[in-house]
Amino acid sequence: MIIREAVDQDNLALQELQVRCPQSAKSIVSVTNTPDFFARAKAYENYKVYVACENDRIIGSSACAIRNAVVNGEVKPIAYGFQAFTSPEHRRKGVESQLHQHRLKYAAHHGAVLLYGLVMDGNMPAIRYAERDGSKLHRALTMTGLLVFKEVKVPDIGKVRQARSDDLEVVAELLNSTWIGYEMYEPTSAEGLFRFIERTPAYELENLLVLEKNGIIVACLGYWDWSQVMRVTMNSIDFKMRTMGCLLWIAGLLVPVPRPIKPGDTLKQVMLTPIGYREPEYFSALLKYMNNHVLQRGTEQMFCICEHNHPILRSIGGFIRIDTTMNLYCKPLSADGVLADRPVFIDGTDL
């Protein structure tokens, strides 16, 4: 077996292997990056995708991205490990471990002080592997899925419009003030936002909305259309989702309801990023506008991730939502790679 950096010519083989490696938690989900396998990683300025090969056949893959973020109050490079999968017949044979060693070397080369990953609650194989590697559970976070199925009333507290390039400086300042004091937040700038929009597949300036009140931008909210970079298919659903499906069917006899999710369904989803606001009520109004905006595009679900008791979650009203616990695992790579006991920020691009 050899480990090497993935190249464009690996696109089809990686997609075919992804199909054979569904994500297993309480429900089983198949995620395939399409049409470009590497589109998922291109949201980051610095990344590597590795593949494990045996007899010229790809049997596993893993990716790592480097970014700057606040660690214990100071901005330092950190590494994010993501999109790891191995063919079913090669599991428990050390493939994951060798791929992970290459991620660690890449992180060390860039001076990353810690490596982190996100594991969905119930994904016991991933949890056990993270703990064997020396990663520790730092925090359990909430990934909220909001069901998009009808237009909702938007409070008349300002003007909503698409962002312009000359808004980016103000938007960056708003984002920085929203997330000040949060561990793992990467302070941004107009240039940083521009680079993110330029490099991220399926993300344009028109994906970013702002709310103006008295001519001042008081909230911003963007969305990354996952359906343009990956195909998400439900292979099976858990008891919680089956129960919700039954309740929706009953309620649908009286009022409009979301389409119940069934095995075999391909989902059209967006991830909300970035999120910034002066007051939670401004975010709430912009979120309702976003619902109506993406509804016209056929979107069925909007996602965000944050602390369990974050104001974002407390300000969500009028939506049917499904909350999933996402576990943040961290492995210090140096003495100064330990997060402080403060709230953490996870960007939507990490999911």
Protein backbone atom coordinates (compact mmCIF):
# COMPACT_ATOMS: atom_id res chain seq x y z
CA MET A 1 0.00 0.00 0.00
CA ILE A 2 1.21 3.50 -0.82
CA ILE A 3 -0.09 6.88 0.33
CA ARG A 4 0.07 9.79 -2.12
CA GLU A 5 -1.56 13.13 -2.77
CA ALA A 6 -4.76 12.86 -4.79
CA VAL A 7 -4.81 14.30 -8.32
CA ASP A 8 -7.62 15.38 -10.66
CA GLN A 9 -7.47 12.05 -12.49
CA ASP A 10 -8.61 10.32 -9.25
CA ASN A 11 -11.98 12.10 -9.40
CA LEU A 12 -14.11 9.18 -10.66
CA ALA A 13 -12.40 6.53 -8.52
CA LEU A 14 -12.88 8.64 -5.39
CA GLN A 15 -16.55 9.22 -6.18
CA GLU A 16 -17.11 5.50 -6.73
CA LEU A 17 -15.41 4.68 -3.44
CA GLN A 18 -17.50 7.30 -1.61
CA VAL A 19 -20.68 5.57 -2.78
CA ARG A 20 -19.44 2.39 -1.10
CA CYS A 21 -18.70 4.18 2.17
CA PRO A 22 -21.93 5.68 3.58
CA GLN A 23 -21.77 7.68 6.80
CA SER A 24 -23.25 5.68 9.62
CA ALA A 25 -24.80 7.12 12.76
CA LYS A 26 -28.41 6.66 13.81
CA SER A 27 -29.38 7.14 10.17
CA ILE A 28 -27.21 6.05 7.24
CA VAL A 29 -26.38 8.76 4.71
CA SER A 30 -24.51 8.43 1.43
CA VAL A 31 -22.53 11.56 0.48
CA THR A 32 -20.86 11.78 -2.93
CA ASN A 33 -18.91 14.84 -4.02
CA THR A 34 -20.13 15.59 -7.53
CA PRO A 35 -19.37 16.63 -10.22
CA ASP A 36 -15.95 17.52 -8.77
CA PHE A 37 -14.76 15.41 -5.83
CA PHE A 38 -12.32 18.16 -4.82
CA ALA A 39 -14.96 20.93 -4.68
CA ARG A 40 -15.55 20.17 -0.99
CA ALA A 41 -11.92 20.89 -0.13
CA LYS A 42 -11.62 23.99 -2.30
CA ALA A 43 -13.50 26.03 0.32
CA TYR A 44 -10.15 26.19 2.15
CA GLU A 45 -7.10 28.17 1.04
CA ASN A 46 -4.66 25.46 2.13
CA TYR A 47 -5.60 21.80 1.92
CA LYS A 48 -4.36 18.36 0.94
CA VAL A 49 -6.35 15.32 -0.14
CA TYR A 50 -4.55 12.00 0.29
CA VAL A 51 -5.35 8.58 -1.13
CA ALA A 52 -4.25 5.10 -0.11
CA CYS A 53 -3.61 2.80 -3.07
CA GLU A 54 -3.17 -0.93 -3.40
CA ASN A 55 -2.33 -2.45 -6.78
CA ASP A 56 -3.06 0.93 -8.42
CA ARG A 57 -6.56 0.96 -6.90
CA ILE A 58 -7.71 3.62 -4.42
CA ILE A 59 -8.84 1.97 -1.18
CA GLY A 60 -9.10 5.00 1.09
CA SER A 61 -8.88 8.76 1.30
CA SER A 62 -8.50 11.53 3.85
CA ALA A 63 -8.22 15.33 3.72
CA CYS A 64 -6.72 18.05 5.87
CA ALA A 65 -7.10 21.84 5.73
CA ILE A 66 -5.07 24.56 7.44
CA ARG A 67 -6.53 27.84 8.62
CA ASN A 68 -5.82 30.52 11.20
CA ALA A 69 -8.07 30.71 14.23
CA VAL A 70 -8.22 31.87 17.82
CA VAL A 71 -6.69 29.35 20.25
CA ASN A 72 -6.61 30.38 23.90
CA GLY A 73 -7.10 34.00 22.89
CA GLU A 74 -4.41 34.17 20.19
CA VAL A 75 -4.63 33.63 16.42
CA LYS A 76 -2.65 30.52 15.45
CA PRO A 77 -2.67 27.98 12.60
CA ILE A 78 -4.91 24.97 13.20
CA ALA A 79 -5.67 21.88 11.12
CA TYR A 80 -9.05 20.39 10.27
CA GLY A 81 -9.24 16.68 9.45
CA PHE A 82 -12.21 15.73 7.29
CA GLN A 83 -13.64 13.46 4.61
CA ALA A 84 -11.97 10.23 5.72
CA PHE A 85 -13.25 6.96 4.29
CA THR A 86 -11.91 3.46 3.55
CA SER A 87 -13.32 0.68 1.39
CA PRO A 88 -15.32 -1.82 3.48
CA GLU A 89 -12.97 -4.72 2.72
CA HIS A 90 -9.89 -2.78 3.86
CA ARG A 91 -11.14 -1.49 7.20
CA ARG A 92 -9.27 -2.36 10.43
CA LYS A 93 -6.10 -2.98 8.41
CA GLY A 94 -4.28 0.23 9.25
CA VAL A 95 -5.35 2.22 6.18
CA GLU A 96 -6.98 4.97 8.23
CA SER A 97 -3.95 5.19 10.50
CA GLN A 98 -1.47 5.65 7.64
CA LEU A 99 -3.66 8.28 5.99
CA HIS A 100 -3.96 10.06 9.32
CA GLN A 101 -0.17 10.14 9.74
CA HIS A 102 0.06 12.08 6.48
CA ARG A 103 -2.51 14.56 7.78
CA LEU A 104 -0.45 15.02 10.93
CA LYS A 105 2.73 15.61 8.90
CA TYR A 106 0.93 18.17 6.74
CA ALA A 107 -0.40 19.92 9.85
CA ALA A 108 3.05 19.96 11.45
CA HIS A 109 4.63 21.32 8.27
CA HIS A 110 2.32 24.34 8.50
CA GLY A 111 2.92 24.83 12.21
CA ALA A 112 -0.62 23.88 13.26
CA VAL A 113 -0.98 23.85 17.04
CA LEU A 114 -3.97 21.50 17.05
CA LEU A 115 -5.91 19.13 14.83
CA TYR A 116 -9.69 18.98 15.13
CA GLY A 117 -12.54 17.01 13.64
CA LEU A 118 -16.32 16.77 13.87
CA VAL A 119 -18.06 13.46 14.58
CA MET A 120 -21.82 13.03 14.48
CA ASP A 121 -23.31 11.65 17.67
CA GLY A 122 -23.84 7.91 17.30
CA ASN A 123 -21.01 7.34 14.82
CA MET A 124 -19.20 4.97 17.17
CA PRO A 125 -16.47 3.77 14.76
CA ALA A 126 -15.35 7.38 14.15
CA ILE A 127 -15.56 8.21 17.86
CA ARG A 128 -13.48 5.17 18.85
CA TYR A 129 -10.87 5.97 16.20
CA ALA A 130 -10.59 9.60 17.32
CA GLU A 131 -10.08 8.52 20.93
CA ARG A 132 -7.48 5.88 20.00
CA ASP A 133 -5.54 8.57 18.14
CA GLY A 134 -5.36 10.70 21.26
CA SER A 135 -8.07 13.22 20.35
CA LYS A 136 -10.30 14.35 23.20
CA LEU A 137 -13.92 15.40 23.17
CA HIS A 138 -13.79 19.15 23.70
CA ARG A 139 -17.42 20.13 23.26
CA ALA A 140 -20.76 18.78 22.05
CA LEU A 141 -22.37 21.22 19.61
CA THR A 142 -25.77 21.47 17.96
CA MET A 143 -26.21 21.10 14.22
CA THR A 144 -29.68 22.43 13.46
CA GLY A 145 -31.58 21.53 10.32
CA LEU A 146 -34.44 23.89 9.46
CA LEU A 147 -37.09 22.46 7.15
CA VAL A 148 -37.90 24.68 4.17
CA PHE A 149 -41.34 24.01 2.73
CA LYS A 150 -43.41 27.21 2.69
CA GLU A 151 -43.00 30.97 2.66
CA VAL A 152 -42.88 32.60 6.08
CA LYS A 153 -43.68 36.16 7.11
CA VAL A 154 -40.62 38.40 7.30
CA PRO A 155 -40.69 41.14 9.99
CA ASP A 156 -40.61 44.62 8.48
CA ILE A 157 -37.55 45.91 10.32
CA GLY A 158 -35.30 46.84 7.42
CA LYS A 159 -34.33 46.29 3.82
CA VAL A 160 -32.88 42.96 2.65
CA ARG A 161 -30.68 42.86 -0.43
CA GLN A 162 -27.82 40.92 -1.98
CA ALA A 163 -24.40 42.02 -0.80
CA ARG A 164 -22.15 44.09 -3.06
CA SER A 165 -18.38 44.01 -3.18
CA ASP A 166 -18.25 47.40 -1.46
CA ASP A 167 -20.16 45.90 1.51
CA LEU A 168 -17.46 43.36 2.34
CA GLU A 169 -15.49 45.58 4.70
CA VAL A 170 -18.59 46.34 6.78
CA VAL A 171 -19.68 42.69 6.65
CA ALA A 172 -16.24 41.58 7.86
CA GLU A 173 -16.42 44.00 10.80
CA LEU A 174 -19.91 42.71 11.64
CA LEU A 175 -18.72 39.08 11.58
CA ASN A 176 -15.72 39.86 13.76
CA SER A 177 -17.88 41.66 16.33
CA THR A 178 -20.45 38.83 16.33
CA TRP A 179 -17.89 36.14 17.13
CA ILE A 180 -15.39 38.06 19.26
CA GLY A 181 -14.27 35.96 22.22
CA TYR A 182 -15.03 32.64 20.50
CA GLU A 183 -12.32 30.01 20.30
CA MET A 184 -11.60 28.71 16.77
CA TYR A 185 -13.03 31.78 15.06
CA GLU A 186 -10.89 33.08 12.21
CA PRO A 187 -10.96 36.89 12.14
CA THR A 188 -11.78 38.01 8.62
CA SER A 189 -11.48 41.06 6.37
CA ALA A 190 -12.95 42.32 3.11
CA GLU A 191 -10.08 40.63 1.28
CA GLY A 192 -10.58 37.40 3.21
CA LEU A 193 -14.28 37.29 2.36
CA PHE A 194 -13.52 38.02 -1.29
CA ARG A 195 -11.02 35.14 -1.45
CA PHE A 196 -13.53 32.77 0.18
CA ILE A 197 -16.21 33.68 -2.37
CA GLU A 198 -13.77 33.40 -5.26
CA ARG A 199 -12.39 29.97 -4.37
CA THR A 200 -15.52 28.20 -3.07
CA PRO A 201 -17.45 26.24 -5.71
CA ALA A 202 -21.18 27.04 -5.84
CA TYR A 203 -20.70 30.21 -3.78
CA GLU A 204 -21.10 33.65 -5.34
CA LEU A 205 -21.43 37.14 -3.94
CA GLU A 206 -25.16 36.85 -4.64
CA ASN A 207 -25.31 34.02 -2.05
CA LEU A 208 -24.64 36.61 0.66
CA LEU A 209 -27.61 38.66 1.90
CA VAL A 210 -27.53 41.70 4.15
CA LEU A 211 -30.18 43.44 6.23
CA GLU A 212 -30.04 47.23 6.34
CA LYS A 213 -31.74 49.35 8.97
CA ASN A 214 -31.63 53.10 8.51
CA GLY A 215 -28.94 52.58 5.89
CA ILE A 216 -26.69 50.54 8.24
CA ILE A 217 -25.97 46.83 7.73
CA VAL A 218 -27.16 45.12 10.92
CA ALA A 219 -27.11 41.47 9.82
CA CYS A 220 -25.60 39.28 7.12
CA LEU A 221 -26.35 35.71 6.15
CA GLY A 222 -24.96 33.58 3.33
CA TYR A 223 -25.61 30.08 2.05
CA TRP A 224 -23.48 27.39 0.44
CA ASP A 225 -25.60 25.25 -1.88
CA TRP A 226 -24.48 21.70 -1.11
CA SER A 227 -26.59 20.24 -3.92
CA GLN A 228 -24.18 21.79 -6.43
CA VAL A 229 -21.09 20.15 -4.92
CA MET A 230 -22.36 16.91 -3.36
CA ARG A 231 -25.19 14.41 -3.61
CA VAL A 232 -26.69 13.54 -0.21
CA THR A 233 -28.86 10.41 -0.21
CA MET A 234 -30.69 8.83 2.73
CA ASN A 235 -29.94 5.10 2.75
CA SER A 236 -31.94 4.52 5.91
CA ILE A 237 -33.63 6.64 8.57
CA ASP A 238 -33.70 6.23 12.34
CA PHE A 239 -36.66 5.98 14.71
CA LYS A 240 -36.69 9.72 15.36
CA MET A 241 -36.99 10.54 11.64
CA ARG A 242 -39.59 7.81 11.07
CA THR A 243 -41.67 9.18 13.93
CA MET A 244 -41.38 12.71 12.57
CA GLY A 245 -42.43 11.43 9.12
CA CYS A 246 -45.59 9.90 10.59
CA LEU A 247 -46.43 13.07 12.49
CA LEU A 248 -45.90 15.18 9.37
CA TRP A 249 -48.16 12.88 7.36
CA ILE A 250 -50.93 13.29 9.94
CA ALA A 251 -50.44 17.06 10.20
CA GLY A 252 -50.40 17.29 6.40
CA LEU A 253 -54.07 16.36 6.35
CA LEU A 254 -54.80 19.79 7.85
CA VAL A 255 -51.93 22.19 7.07
CA PRO A 256 -48.93 22.45 4.70
CA VAL A 257 -45.98 20.38 5.97
CA PRO A 258 -42.51 19.42 4.72
CA ARG A 259 -42.08 16.37 2.56
CA PRO A 260 -41.33 13.39 4.84
CA ILE A 261 -37.84 12.01 4.23
CA LYS A 262 -37.75 8.40 3.04
CA PRO A 263 -34.91 5.96 2.32
CA GLY A 264 -33.59 6.60 -1.18
CA ASP A 265 -34.38 10.32 -1.13
CA THR A 266 -31.74 12.74 -2.42
CA LEU A 267 -31.76 15.88 -0.31
CA LYS A 268 -31.34 19.47 -1.47
CA GLN A 269 -29.65 21.35 1.35
CA VAL A 270 -27.80 24.59 2.03
CA MET A 271 -25.33 25.42 4.79
CA LEU A 272 -25.73 28.88 6.31
CA THR A 273 -22.41 30.74 6.28
CA PRO A 274 -21.34 33.35 7.16
CA ILE A 275 -23.63 34.51 9.97
CA GLY A 276 -23.32 37.96 11.53
CA TYR A 277 -25.71 40.28 13.36
CA ARG A 278 -25.92 43.17 15.80
CA GLU A 279 -28.97 41.74 17.55
CA PRO A 280 -30.52 38.24 17.38
CA GLU A 281 -33.80 39.74 16.14
CA TYR A 282 -32.00 40.97 13.01
CA PHE A 283 -30.66 37.48 12.37
CA SER A 284 -34.14 36.04 12.88
CA ALA A 285 -35.65 38.40 10.30
CA LEU A 286 -32.90 37.70 7.77
CA LEU A 287 -33.25 33.95 8.32
CA LYS A 288 -36.94 34.13 7.45
CA TYR A 289 -36.11 36.05 4.30
CA MET A 290 -33.47 33.42 3.47
CA ASN A 291 -36.10 30.68 3.86
CA ASN A 292 -38.25 32.30 1.19
CA HIS A 293 -35.21 32.95 -1.01
CA VAL A 294 -33.90 29.36 -1.07
CA LEU A 295 -37.43 27.91 -1.22
CA GLN A 296 -37.65 29.28 -4.76
CA ARG A 297 -34.49 27.29 -5.59
CA GLY A 298 -36.06 24.02 -4.44
CA THR A 299 -34.09 23.83 -1.19
CA GLU A 300 -35.61 21.60 1.50
CA GLN A 301 -33.27 22.14 4.46
CA MET A 302 -30.99 24.86 5.87
CA PHE A 303 -28.24 23.98 8.34
CA CYS A 304 -26.14 25.82 10.90
CA ILE A 305 -23.95 24.70 13.80
CA CYS A 306 -23.27 26.39 17.13
CA GLU A 307 -23.20 25.99 20.90
CA HIS A 308 -26.27 24.34 22.50
CA ASN A 309 -27.52 27.58 24.10
CA HIS A 310 -26.37 30.05 21.48
CA PRO A 311 -28.59 33.10 20.78
CA ILE A 312 -28.93 31.87 17.18
CA LEU A 313 -30.89 28.84 18.36
CA ARG A 314 -32.96 30.86 20.81
CA SER A 315 -33.94 33.28 18.04
CA ILE A 316 -35.21 30.61 15.64
CA GLY A 317 -38.98 30.68 15.70
CA GLY A 318 -41.61 29.61 13.20
CA PHE A 319 -39.50 26.75 11.81
CA ILE A 320 -39.73 23.00 12.07
CA ARG A 321 -36.22 21.99 13.10
CA ILE A 322 -34.19 18.83 13.62
CA ASP A 323 -31.24 19.10 16.02
CA THR A 324 -28.30 16.72 15.82
CA THR A 325 -25.38 16.59 18.25
CA MET A 326 -21.98 17.10 16.63
CA ASN A 327 -18.95 16.23 18.76
CA LEU A 328 -15.85 18.40 18.45
CA TYR A 329 -12.68 16.33 18.95
CA CYS A 330 -9.32 18.07 19.33
CA LYS A 331 -5.73 16.84 19.49
CA PRO A 332 -3.08 19.34 20.63
CA LEU A 333 0.00 19.25 18.39
CA SER A 334 2.04 21.58 20.60
CA ALA A 335 2.05 22.94 24.12
CA ASP A 336 0.06 26.01 23.07
CA GLY A 337 -2.57 23.99 21.19
CA VAL A 338 -5.09 23.74 24.04
CA LEU A 339 -8.40 25.57 23.67
CA ALA A 340 -9.54 27.86 26.46
CA ASP A 341 -12.79 27.14 28.28
CA ARG A 342 -14.78 29.60 26.18
CA PRO A 343 -17.50 29.16 23.54
CA VAL A 344 -16.25 27.74 20.25
CA PHE A 345 -17.02 28.75 16.69
CA ILE A 346 -17.39 26.22 13.87
CA ASP A 347 -17.93 27.50 10.36
CA GLY A 348 -20.50 25.83 8.15
CA THR A 349 -17.85 24.87 5.61
CA ASP A 350 -16.53 22.32 8.12
CA LEU A 351 -19.67 20.16 7.89
